[in-house]
N, C-alpha and C. Protein backbone atom coordinates (compact mmCIF):
# COMPACT_ATOMS: atom_id res chain seq x y z
N UNK A 1 -71.29 -20.40 70.85
CA UNK A 1 -69.60 -21.49 70.95
C UNK A 1 -68.69 -21.42 69.87
N UNK A 2 -69.47 -20.97 68.46
CA UNK A 2 -68.55 -20.64 67.77
C UNK A 2 -67.84 -19.49 67.30
N UNK A 3 -68.27 -18.47 68.08
CA UNK A 3 -67.66 -17.10 68.33
C UNK A 3 -66.58 -17.29 69.27
N UNK A 4 -66.93 -18.01 70.20
CA UNK A 4 -65.68 -17.89 71.23
C UNK A 4 -64.52 -18.90 70.78
N UNK A 5 -64.72 -19.53 70.11
CA UNK A 5 -63.65 -20.72 69.18
C UNK A 5 -62.82 -19.79 68.25
N UNK A 6 -63.56 -18.81 67.65
CA UNK A 6 -63.09 -17.92 66.36
C UNK A 6 -62.33 -17.28 67.59
N UNK A 7 -62.78 -16.58 68.45
CA UNK A 7 -62.21 -15.38 69.48
C UNK A 7 -60.35 -16.34 69.88
N UNK A 8 -60.59 -17.59 70.43
CA UNK A 8 -59.44 -18.24 71.22
C UNK A 8 -58.69 -18.54 69.72
N UNK A 9 -58.94 -18.89 68.16
CA UNK A 9 -58.21 -19.34 67.54
C UNK A 9 -57.34 -17.61 67.07
N UNK A 10 -58.29 -16.93 67.03
CA UNK A 10 -57.57 -15.35 66.63
C UNK A 10 -56.53 -15.23 67.36
N UNK A 11 -56.45 -15.59 68.97
CA UNK A 11 -55.49 -15.07 69.81
C UNK A 11 -54.45 -16.12 69.80
N UNK A 12 -54.55 -17.45 69.56
CA UNK A 12 -53.04 -18.47 69.43
C UNK A 12 -52.84 -18.01 68.13
N UNK A 13 -53.31 -17.71 67.20
CA UNK A 13 -52.89 -17.43 65.85
C UNK A 13 -52.13 -15.90 65.90
N UNK A 14 -52.63 -15.11 66.82
CA UNK A 14 -51.85 -13.80 67.07
C UNK A 14 -50.82 -14.07 67.64
N UNK A 15 -50.57 -15.06 68.58
CA UNK A 15 -49.15 -14.96 69.87
C UNK A 15 -48.51 -16.09 68.73
N UNK A 16 -48.76 -16.76 68.07
CA UNK A 16 -48.02 -17.41 67.33
C UNK A 16 -47.03 -16.38 66.56
N UNK A 17 -47.90 -15.57 65.67
CA UNK A 17 -47.55 -14.82 64.67
C UNK A 17 -46.33 -13.58 65.94
N UNK A 18 -46.72 -13.25 66.96
CA UNK A 18 -45.49 -12.54 67.85
C UNK A 18 -44.65 -13.08 67.85
N UNK A 19 -44.60 -14.81 68.27
CA UNK A 19 -43.39 -15.55 68.85
C UNK A 19 -42.39 -15.66 67.48
N UNK A 20 -42.95 -15.84 66.40
CA UNK A 20 -42.01 -15.72 65.22
C UNK A 20 -41.63 -14.64 64.91
N UNK A 21 -42.28 -13.40 64.85
CA UNK A 21 -41.74 -12.15 64.94
C UNK A 21 -40.82 -11.89 65.74
N UNK A 22 -40.82 -12.28 67.12
CA UNK A 22 -39.48 -12.10 68.20
C UNK A 22 -38.52 -12.63 67.86
N UNK A 23 -38.75 -13.93 67.23
CA UNK A 23 -37.92 -14.98 67.03
C UNK A 23 -37.02 -14.23 65.52
N UNK A 24 -37.71 -13.59 64.50
CA UNK A 24 -37.11 -12.87 63.67
C UNK A 24 -35.93 -12.05 64.34
N UNK A 25 -36.68 -11.06 65.00
CA UNK A 25 -36.23 -9.81 65.55
C UNK A 25 -34.70 -10.43 66.16
N UNK A 26 -34.83 -11.40 66.69
CA UNK A 26 -33.71 -11.80 67.40
C UNK A 26 -32.59 -12.69 66.41
N UNK A 27 -33.03 -12.97 65.59
CA UNK A 27 -32.34 -13.85 64.32
C UNK A 27 -31.54 -12.50 63.73
N UNK A 28 -32.41 -11.43 63.31
CA UNK A 28 -31.73 -10.42 62.74
C UNK A 28 -30.57 -9.44 63.35
N UNK A 29 -30.97 -9.43 64.86
CA UNK A 29 -29.94 -9.00 65.46
C UNK A 29 -28.94 -9.60 65.66
N UNK A 30 -28.78 -11.16 65.77
CA UNK A 30 -27.30 -11.80 65.60
C UNK A 30 -26.48 -11.75 64.45
N UNK A 31 -27.47 -11.64 62.96
CA UNK A 31 -27.01 -11.45 61.80
C UNK A 31 -26.04 -9.98 61.75
N UNK A 32 -26.78 -9.12 62.68
CA UNK A 32 -25.91 -7.90 62.74
C UNK A 32 -25.00 -7.83 63.18
N UNK A 33 -25.05 -8.11 64.44
CA UNK A 33 -23.54 -8.29 65.08
C UNK A 33 -22.74 -8.73 64.62
N UNK A 34 -23.21 -10.06 63.82
CA UNK A 34 -22.32 -11.12 63.41
C UNK A 34 -21.23 -10.11 62.14
N UNK A 35 -22.15 -9.63 61.58
CA UNK A 35 -21.75 -8.65 60.42
C UNK A 35 -20.92 -7.64 60.96
N UNK A 36 -21.14 -7.10 61.96
CA UNK A 36 -20.19 -5.61 62.55
C UNK A 36 -18.78 -6.47 63.29
N UNK A 37 -19.27 -7.73 63.49
CA UNK A 37 -18.03 -8.32 64.11
C UNK A 37 -17.07 -8.50 63.12
N UNK A 38 -17.53 -9.03 61.65
CA UNK A 38 -17.05 -9.01 60.60
C UNK A 38 -16.19 -8.10 60.31
N UNK A 39 -17.01 -6.94 60.28
CA UNK A 39 -16.04 -5.67 59.58
C UNK A 39 -14.95 -5.23 60.38
N UNK A 40 -15.45 -5.13 61.95
CA UNK A 40 -14.38 -5.13 62.64
C UNK A 40 -12.92 -5.76 62.72
N UNK A 41 -13.37 -6.84 62.37
CA UNK A 41 -12.29 -8.07 62.53
C UNK A 41 -11.41 -7.59 60.88
N UNK A 42 -12.09 -6.93 59.81
CA UNK A 42 -11.57 -6.79 58.73
C UNK A 42 -10.53 -5.43 58.54
N UNK A 43 -11.34 -4.40 59.67
CA UNK A 43 -10.62 -3.50 60.02
C UNK A 43 -9.31 -3.95 60.77
N UNK A 44 -9.49 -4.40 61.68
CA UNK A 44 -8.67 -4.83 62.53
C UNK A 44 -7.38 -5.34 61.65
N UNK A 45 -7.38 -6.02 60.85
CA UNK A 45 -6.38 -6.91 59.81
C UNK A 45 -6.02 -5.85 58.78
N UNK A 46 -6.64 -4.84 58.15
CA UNK A 46 -5.77 -4.15 57.52
C UNK A 46 -4.91 -3.14 58.60
N UNK A 47 -5.25 -2.77 59.71
CA UNK A 47 -4.50 -1.86 60.62
C UNK A 47 -3.14 -2.75 60.60
N UNK A 48 -3.49 -4.04 61.14
CA UNK A 48 -2.32 -4.97 61.35
C UNK A 48 -1.28 -4.80 60.28
N UNK A 49 -1.99 -5.31 59.13
CA UNK A 49 -1.22 -5.14 57.64
C UNK A 49 -0.64 -3.71 57.55
N UNK A 50 -1.35 -2.79 57.69
CA UNK A 50 -0.51 -1.15 57.59
C UNK A 50 0.71 -1.07 58.71
N UNK A 51 0.52 -1.46 59.98
CA UNK A 51 1.69 -1.05 60.94
C UNK A 51 2.75 -2.45 60.48
N UNK A 52 2.59 -3.36 59.96
CA UNK A 52 3.63 -4.04 59.53
C UNK A 52 4.11 -3.50 58.33
N UNK A 53 3.54 -2.96 57.52
CA UNK A 53 3.98 -2.03 56.05
C UNK A 53 4.95 -1.15 56.89
N UNK A 54 4.29 -0.43 57.74
CA UNK A 54 4.88 1.09 58.59
C UNK A 54 6.47 0.36 59.22
N UNK A 55 6.26 -0.55 59.49
CA UNK A 55 7.70 -1.26 60.21
C UNK A 55 8.91 -1.60 58.98
N UNK A 56 8.25 -2.27 58.00
CA UNK A 56 9.10 -2.45 56.77
C UNK A 56 9.66 -1.25 56.30
N UNK A 57 8.52 -0.19 55.82
CA UNK A 57 9.33 1.00 55.49
C UNK A 57 10.00 1.72 56.46
N UNK A 58 9.75 1.64 57.48
CA UNK A 58 10.89 2.70 58.19
C UNK A 58 12.45 1.95 57.99
N UNK A 59 12.18 0.47 58.08
CA UNK A 59 13.46 0.00 58.22
C UNK A 59 14.05 0.60 56.41
N UNK A 60 13.32 0.38 55.63
CA UNK A 60 13.84 0.60 54.28
C UNK A 60 14.29 2.15 54.35
N UNK A 61 13.30 3.19 54.94
CA UNK A 61 14.08 4.23 55.15
C UNK A 61 15.52 4.35 55.69
N UNK A 62 15.60 3.82 56.91
CA UNK A 62 17.18 3.68 57.51
C UNK A 62 18.06 3.09 56.51
N UNK A 63 17.55 2.04 55.96
CA UNK A 63 18.84 1.37 54.92
C UNK A 63 19.14 2.41 53.70
N UNK A 64 17.95 2.92 53.10
CA UNK A 64 18.13 4.13 52.02
C UNK A 64 18.80 5.12 52.65
N UNK A 65 18.87 5.64 53.83
CA UNK A 65 19.62 6.59 54.49
C UNK A 65 21.16 6.04 54.28
N UNK A 66 21.31 5.01 55.30
CA UNK A 66 22.88 4.55 55.32
C UNK A 66 23.59 4.35 53.81
N UNK A 67 22.57 3.75 53.03
CA UNK A 67 23.25 3.59 51.54
C UNK A 67 23.61 4.91 51.06
N UNK A 68 23.00 5.99 50.98
CA UNK A 68 23.16 7.18 50.48
C UNK A 68 24.42 7.95 51.07
N UNK A 69 24.53 7.61 52.73
CA UNK A 69 25.83 8.14 52.99
C UNK A 69 27.15 7.59 52.91
N UNK A 70 26.87 6.26 52.54
CA UNK A 70 27.97 5.28 52.36
C UNK A 70 28.45 5.52 50.81
N UNK A 71 27.71 5.84 50.18
CA UNK A 71 27.77 6.29 49.09
C UNK A 71 28.47 7.54 48.59
N UNK A 72 28.13 8.51 49.45
CA UNK A 72 28.63 9.69 49.23
C UNK A 72 30.14 9.52 49.89
N UNK A 73 30.13 8.76 50.59
CA UNK A 73 31.77 8.63 51.27
C UNK A 73 32.50 7.79 50.11
N UNK A 74 31.97 6.90 49.59
CA UNK A 74 32.62 6.45 48.22
C UNK A 74 32.92 7.21 47.30
N UNK A 75 31.84 7.99 46.63
CA UNK A 75 32.15 9.30 45.81
C UNK A 75 33.13 10.03 46.03
N UNK A 76 33.41 10.34 47.23
CA UNK A 76 34.18 11.60 47.52
C UNK A 76 35.59 11.00 47.36
N UNK A 77 35.50 9.77 48.21
CA UNK A 77 37.26 9.15 48.17
C UNK A 77 37.63 8.61 46.79
N UNK A 78 36.65 8.42 45.55
CA UNK A 78 36.85 8.03 44.31
C UNK A 78 37.35 9.44 43.73
N UNK A 79 36.61 10.45 43.94
CA UNK A 79 36.93 11.61 43.34
C UNK A 79 38.46 12.37 43.76
N UNK A 80 38.68 12.10 45.30
CA UNK A 80 40.10 12.36 45.57
C UNK A 80 41.13 11.63 44.87
N UNK A 81 40.68 10.43 44.77
CA UNK A 81 41.70 9.30 44.21
C UNK A 81 42.02 9.42 42.38
N UNK A 82 40.70 10.13 41.61
CA UNK A 82 40.89 10.06 40.30
C UNK A 82 41.53 11.57 40.33
N UNK A 83 41.58 12.60 40.98
CA UNK A 83 42.29 13.40 40.96
C UNK A 83 43.47 13.52 41.17
N UNK A 84 44.07 12.42 42.11
CA UNK A 84 45.25 12.56 42.67
C UNK A 84 46.21 11.58 40.94
N UNK A 85 45.18 10.51 40.72
CA UNK A 85 45.66 9.74 39.85
C UNK A 85 46.40 10.71 38.36
N UNK A 86 45.08 11.73 38.30
CA UNK A 86 45.19 12.23 37.10
C UNK A 86 46.61 13.43 37.16
N UNK A 87 46.50 13.82 38.16
CA UNK A 87 47.69 15.17 38.56
C UNK A 87 49.09 14.46 39.10
N UNK A 88 48.92 13.38 39.31
CA UNK A 88 50.32 13.07 39.58
C UNK A 88 50.52 11.77 39.13
N UNK A 89 50.09 10.59 39.37
CA UNK A 89 50.48 9.32 38.37
C UNK A 89 50.32 9.29 37.07
N UNK A 90 49.54 9.77 36.86
CA UNK A 90 49.48 9.86 35.32
C UNK A 90 50.03 10.78 34.66
N UNK A 91 50.49 11.80 35.12
CA UNK A 91 51.49 13.21 34.62
C UNK A 91 52.83 12.28 34.99
N UNK A 92 53.42 11.56 36.00
CA UNK A 92 54.38 11.05 36.08
C UNK A 92 54.80 10.13 34.84
N UNK A 93 53.68 9.06 34.78
CA UNK A 93 53.78 8.01 33.80
C UNK A 93 53.92 8.62 32.04
N UNK A 94 53.32 9.63 31.83
CA UNK A 94 53.45 10.24 30.85
C UNK A 94 54.88 10.74 30.36
N UNK A 95 55.26 11.54 31.49
CA UNK A 95 56.65 12.28 31.47
C UNK A 95 57.78 11.25 31.40
N UNK A 96 57.64 10.05 31.96
CA UNK A 96 58.55 8.81 31.88
C UNK A 96 58.51 8.47 30.23
N UNK A 97 57.20 8.43 30.15
CA UNK A 97 57.09 7.69 28.47
C UNK A 97 57.53 9.05 27.59
N UNK A 98 57.64 10.12 27.64
CA UNK A 98 58.27 11.11 26.85
C UNK A 98 59.59 11.01 27.06
N UNK A 99 60.32 10.99 28.02
CA UNK A 99 61.69 10.96 28.55
C UNK A 99 62.33 9.72 27.87
N UNK A 100 61.87 8.74 28.16
CA UNK A 100 62.62 7.77 27.67
C UNK A 100 61.86 7.28 26.16
N UNK A 101 61.02 7.29 25.93
CA UNK A 101 60.67 6.87 24.47
C UNK A 101 60.56 5.80 23.94
N UNK A 102 60.41 4.80 24.84
CA UNK A 102 59.99 3.58 25.35
C UNK A 102 58.69 3.44 24.74
N UNK A 103 58.18 2.41 23.78
CA UNK A 103 56.80 2.09 23.61
C UNK A 103 56.07 1.70 25.12
N UNK A 104 56.80 0.46 25.76
CA UNK A 104 56.17 0.03 26.88
C UNK A 104 55.63 1.05 28.05
N UNK A 105 56.57 2.11 27.97
CA UNK A 105 56.13 3.10 28.62
C UNK A 105 55.17 3.96 28.40
N UNK A 106 54.83 4.45 27.03
CA UNK A 106 53.81 4.79 26.47
C UNK A 106 52.34 4.20 26.54
N UNK A 107 52.76 2.78 26.63
CA UNK A 107 51.49 1.74 26.79
C UNK A 107 51.10 1.86 28.29
N UNK A 108 51.86 1.80 28.83
CA UNK A 108 51.85 1.70 30.35
C UNK A 108 50.82 3.26 30.73
N UNK A 109 51.27 3.95 30.23
CA UNK A 109 50.77 5.44 30.21
C UNK A 109 49.08 5.43 29.69
N UNK A 110 49.22 4.99 28.56
CA UNK A 110 47.72 5.04 28.10
C UNK A 110 47.45 4.03 28.86
N UNK A 111 47.50 3.09 29.44
CA UNK A 111 46.75 1.80 30.18
C UNK A 111 46.51 2.30 31.24
N UNK A 112 47.03 3.15 32.12
CA UNK A 112 46.87 3.93 33.42
C UNK A 112 45.71 4.98 32.96
N UNK A 113 45.74 5.40 31.96
CA UNK A 113 44.92 6.68 31.55
C UNK A 113 43.31 5.83 30.97
N UNK A 114 43.30 4.74 30.87
CA UNK A 114 42.09 4.16 30.52
C UNK A 114 41.44 3.88 31.38
N UNK A 115 42.60 3.54 32.46
CA UNK A 115 41.81 2.64 34.01
C UNK A 115 41.35 4.03 34.63
N UNK A 116 41.71 5.06 34.40
CA UNK A 116 40.81 6.48 35.01
C UNK A 116 39.75 6.39 34.49
N UNK A 117 39.37 6.57 33.16
CA UNK A 117 38.36 6.68 32.46
C UNK A 117 37.36 5.59 33.06
N UNK A 118 37.58 4.21 33.10
CA UNK A 118 36.82 3.29 33.56
C UNK A 118 36.52 3.36 34.89
N UNK A 119 37.46 4.06 35.77
CA UNK A 119 37.12 4.34 37.07
C UNK A 119 35.97 5.35 37.39
N UNK A 120 36.16 6.68 36.76
CA UNK A 120 34.89 7.76 36.42
C UNK A 120 33.49 7.03 35.94
N UNK A 121 34.04 5.88 34.89
CA UNK A 121 32.61 5.47 34.70
C UNK A 121 31.67 4.38 35.57
N UNK A 122 32.61 4.09 36.52
CA UNK A 122 32.08 3.53 37.75
C UNK A 122 31.66 4.14 38.88
N UNK A 123 32.45 5.38 38.87
CA UNK A 123 31.98 6.58 39.66
C UNK A 123 30.91 7.14 39.25
N UNK A 124 30.27 7.23 38.15
CA UNK A 124 29.18 8.09 37.65
C UNK A 124 27.91 6.91 38.15
N UNK A 125 28.33 5.89 37.94
CA UNK A 125 27.16 4.38 38.23
C UNK A 125 26.87 4.87 39.90
N UNK A 126 28.07 4.91 40.59
CA UNK A 126 27.64 5.46 42.04
C UNK A 126 26.81 6.84 42.28
N UNK A 127 27.24 7.64 41.28
CA UNK A 127 26.37 8.99 41.85
C UNK A 127 25.02 8.63 41.08
N UNK A 128 24.64 8.36 40.08
CA UNK A 128 23.23 8.18 39.64
C UNK A 128 22.81 7.11 40.86
N UNK A 129 23.50 6.09 41.53
CA UNK A 129 22.76 5.11 42.57
C UNK A 129 22.48 5.90 43.78
N UNK A 130 23.28 6.98 43.99
CA UNK A 130 22.90 7.74 45.19
C UNK A 130 21.86 8.77 44.89
N UNK A 131 21.89 9.12 43.75
CA UNK A 131 20.62 10.01 43.12
C UNK A 131 19.44 9.08 43.37
N UNK A 132 19.56 8.14 42.99
CA UNK A 132 17.96 7.26 43.06
C UNK A 132 17.81 7.25 44.51
N UNK A 133 18.56 7.23 45.63
CA UNK A 133 18.66 6.72 46.82
C UNK A 133 18.00 8.14 47.57
N UNK A 134 18.40 9.44 46.93
CA UNK A 134 17.75 11.06 47.45
C UNK A 134 16.58 10.85 46.98
N UNK A 135 16.32 10.46 45.69
CA UNK A 135 14.92 10.57 44.89
C UNK A 135 13.92 9.31 45.69
N UNK A 136 14.21 8.35 46.12
CA UNK A 136 13.51 7.28 47.00
C UNK A 136 13.16 7.94 48.04
N UNK A 137 13.52 8.53 48.80
CA UNK A 137 13.73 8.86 50.34
C UNK A 137 12.25 9.64 50.27
N UNK A 138 12.01 10.92 49.78
CA UNK A 138 10.48 11.48 49.80
C UNK A 138 9.51 10.44 49.45
N UNK A 139 9.93 9.55 48.40
CA UNK A 139 8.53 8.37 48.19
C UNK A 139 8.36 7.63 49.29
N UNK A 140 9.34 7.12 50.01
CA UNK A 140 9.00 6.13 51.36
C UNK A 140 8.55 6.89 52.17
N UNK A 141 9.04 8.18 52.36
CA UNK A 141 8.27 8.97 53.56
C UNK A 141 6.69 9.37 53.41
N UNK A 142 6.64 9.46 52.33
CA UNK A 142 5.02 9.55 51.66
C UNK A 142 4.45 8.46 52.29
N UNK A 143 4.92 7.49 51.71
CA UNK A 143 4.29 5.45 51.82
C UNK A 143 3.85 5.99 53.32
N UNK A 144 5.13 5.93 54.32
CA UNK A 144 5.11 5.95 55.79
C UNK A 144 3.86 6.60 56.16
N UNK A 145 4.15 7.92 56.09
CA UNK A 145 2.88 8.97 56.17
C UNK A 145 1.71 8.67 55.93
N UNK A 146 1.28 8.04 54.58
CA UNK A 146 -0.19 7.62 54.14
C UNK A 146 -0.58 6.67 54.96
N UNK A 147 0.36 5.38 55.47
CA UNK A 147 0.02 4.44 56.00
C UNK A 147 -0.33 4.59 57.46
N UNK A 148 0.44 5.82 58.06
CA UNK A 148 0.30 6.03 59.43
C UNK A 148 -1.24 6.66 59.71
N UNK A 149 -1.53 7.67 58.55
CA UNK A 149 -2.51 8.42 58.52
C UNK A 149 -3.83 7.40 58.18
N UNK A 150 -3.91 6.42 57.22
CA UNK A 150 -4.78 5.19 57.29
C UNK A 150 -5.01 4.16 58.75
N UNK A 151 -3.71 4.16 59.14
CA UNK A 151 -3.62 3.31 60.47
C UNK A 151 -4.52 4.06 61.62
N UNK A 152 -4.14 5.26 61.56
CA UNK A 152 -5.32 6.39 62.63
C UNK A 152 -6.70 5.94 62.21
N UNK A 153 -7.08 6.32 61.30
CA UNK A 153 -8.47 6.58 60.72
C UNK A 153 -8.90 4.82 60.84
N UNK A 154 -8.24 4.04 60.58
CA UNK A 154 -8.67 2.58 61.09
C UNK A 154 -9.20 2.38 62.50
N UNK A 155 -8.15 2.74 62.95
CA UNK A 155 -8.15 2.70 64.65
C UNK A 155 -9.14 3.95 65.27
N UNK A 156 -9.68 4.57 64.46
CA UNK A 156 -10.75 5.60 65.08
C UNK A 156 -11.96 4.99 64.69
N UNK A 157 -12.32 4.16 63.28
CA UNK A 157 -13.29 3.61 63.23
C UNK A 157 -13.48 2.17 63.80
N UNK A 158 -12.55 1.78 64.49
CA UNK A 158 -12.71 0.77 65.22
C UNK A 158 -13.28 1.08 66.90
N UNK A 159 -13.05 2.22 67.38
CA UNK A 159 -12.94 2.49 68.72
C UNK A 159 -14.04 3.43 68.57
N UNK A 160 -14.51 4.28 67.75
CA UNK A 160 -15.72 5.18 67.51
C UNK A 160 -16.55 4.85 66.81
N UNK A 161 -16.52 4.69 65.36
CA UNK A 161 -17.55 4.47 64.36
C UNK A 161 -18.16 2.99 64.81
N UNK A 162 -17.72 2.25 65.00
CA UNK A 162 -18.24 0.66 65.41
C UNK A 162 -19.15 0.51 66.83
N UNK A 163 -18.52 1.08 67.55
CA UNK A 163 -19.68 1.06 68.93
C UNK A 163 -20.82 2.18 68.73
N UNK A 164 -20.55 2.97 67.81
CA UNK A 164 -21.66 3.97 67.58
C UNK A 164 -22.81 3.15 66.60
N UNK A 165 -22.15 2.47 65.72
CA UNK A 165 -23.21 1.87 64.70
C UNK A 165 -23.96 0.84 65.62
N UNK A 166 -23.15 0.00 66.31
CA UNK A 166 -24.00 -1.12 67.62
C UNK A 166 -25.06 -0.53 68.28
N UNK A 167 -24.61 0.92 68.80
CA UNK A 167 -25.52 1.74 69.71
C UNK A 167 -27.00 2.27 68.74
N UNK A 168 -26.65 2.37 67.39
CA UNK A 168 -27.66 2.94 66.61
C UNK A 168 -28.49 1.59 66.22
N UNK A 169 -28.01 0.49 66.01
CA UNK A 169 -28.64 -0.46 65.56
C UNK A 169 -29.71 -0.99 66.75
N UNK A 170 -28.81 -1.17 67.79
CA UNK A 170 -29.46 -1.41 69.01
C UNK A 170 -30.84 -0.65 69.51
N UNK A 171 -30.48 0.42 68.94
CA UNK A 171 -31.81 1.31 69.31
C UNK A 171 -32.92 1.19 68.18
N UNK A 172 -32.64 0.93 66.85
CA UNK A 172 -33.35 0.40 65.97
C UNK A 172 -34.15 -0.87 66.21
N UNK A 173 -33.54 -1.74 66.77
CA UNK A 173 -33.82 -3.08 67.29
C UNK A 173 -34.97 -2.99 68.43
N UNK A 174 -34.78 -2.14 69.17
CA UNK A 174 -35.61 -1.87 70.12
C UNK A 174 -36.73 -1.06 69.89
N UNK A 175 -36.61 -0.14 68.86
CA UNK A 175 -37.80 0.50 68.30
C UNK A 175 -38.67 -0.17 67.50
N UNK A 176 -38.05 -1.08 66.95
CA UNK A 176 -38.89 -2.15 66.04
C UNK A 176 -39.73 -3.11 66.90
N UNK A 177 -38.74 -3.56 68.09
CA UNK A 177 -39.59 -4.38 69.18
C UNK A 177 -40.56 -3.74 70.00
N UNK A 178 -40.46 -2.35 70.25
CA UNK A 178 -41.51 -1.31 70.92
C UNK A 178 -42.49 -1.18 69.51
N UNK A 179 -42.33 -1.02 68.30
CA UNK A 179 -43.71 -1.31 67.51
C UNK A 179 -44.29 -2.66 67.43
N UNK A 180 -43.46 -3.52 67.38
CA UNK A 180 -44.24 -4.94 67.47
C UNK A 180 -45.30 -4.95 68.44
N UNK A 181 -44.49 -4.58 69.96
CA UNK A 181 -45.19 -4.74 71.35
C UNK A 181 -46.71 -3.53 71.09
N UNK A 182 -46.15 -2.63 70.38
CA UNK A 182 -47.56 -1.62 70.32
C UNK A 182 -48.75 -2.27 69.41
N UNK A 183 -48.28 -3.23 68.23
CA UNK A 183 -49.21 -3.49 67.34
C UNK A 183 -50.10 -4.80 68.06
N UNK A 184 -49.09 -5.32 68.95
CA UNK A 184 -49.67 -6.62 69.89
C UNK A 184 -50.86 -5.99 70.72
N UNK A 185 -50.41 -4.87 71.50
CA UNK A 185 -51.17 -4.59 72.42
C UNK A 185 -52.61 -4.01 71.75
N UNK A 186 -52.36 -3.35 70.62
CA UNK A 186 -53.37 -2.99 69.84
C UNK A 186 -54.57 -4.02 69.18
N UNK A 187 -53.45 -5.13 68.82
CA UNK A 187 -54.52 -6.15 68.50
C UNK A 187 -55.50 -7.05 69.53
N UNK A 188 -54.61 -6.82 70.85
CA UNK A 188 -55.36 -7.47 71.73
C UNK A 188 -56.83 -6.73 72.27
N UNK A 189 -56.90 -5.43 72.21
CA UNK A 189 -57.57 -4.31 72.15
C UNK A 189 -58.41 -4.35 71.31
N UNK A 190 -57.70 -4.64 70.12
CA UNK A 190 -59.31 -4.53 69.16
C UNK A 190 -60.06 -6.27 69.15
N UNK A 191 -59.35 -6.94 69.63
CA UNK A 191 -59.87 -8.27 69.90
C UNK A 191 -60.86 -8.17 71.22
N UNK A 192 -60.55 -7.41 72.06
CA UNK A 192 -61.51 -7.41 73.14
C UNK A 192 -62.57 -6.62 72.58
N UNK A 193 -62.24 -5.72 72.04
CA UNK A 193 -63.27 -4.74 71.91
C UNK A 193 -64.39 -5.51 70.79
């Protein structure tokens, strides 16, 4: 009679362990799925940030290009104005100062020459700014390209890698379940024998 109780105790103990193992497997599967969902959400978050950056960088590219074109026009107009001021207006003021011999005419010609020099300095600032725009263009373009490449890589991870991970994990869990079932079947066979 005692042997029968040992056998019943063994089977109830065995089935209790199997139930705990089954619950543990389900909890592991839920934890893995939650982790995968978190990873996928993070990837989607990075993808969204990159898309926002790409839009901002495209706007920056357009603004930079417009600034470059405007500066080029201003520079050309300033160069023409300076050339005309030097060859025409300044020459006329200097001739008038020489002819009249008046100090106020000489001061006016000198003041005009200094104004031209100041204007040339401002023109040089415009040239430097235009050069900066020109140098920024490839940098902006490179950032756009890098962000687009990363966006495509993230999208690929979301639509290809994540489903593959889910399949592999599901297969691993199924294999673990299969192993547990085989252990249970073997234990029952051993207990029966």
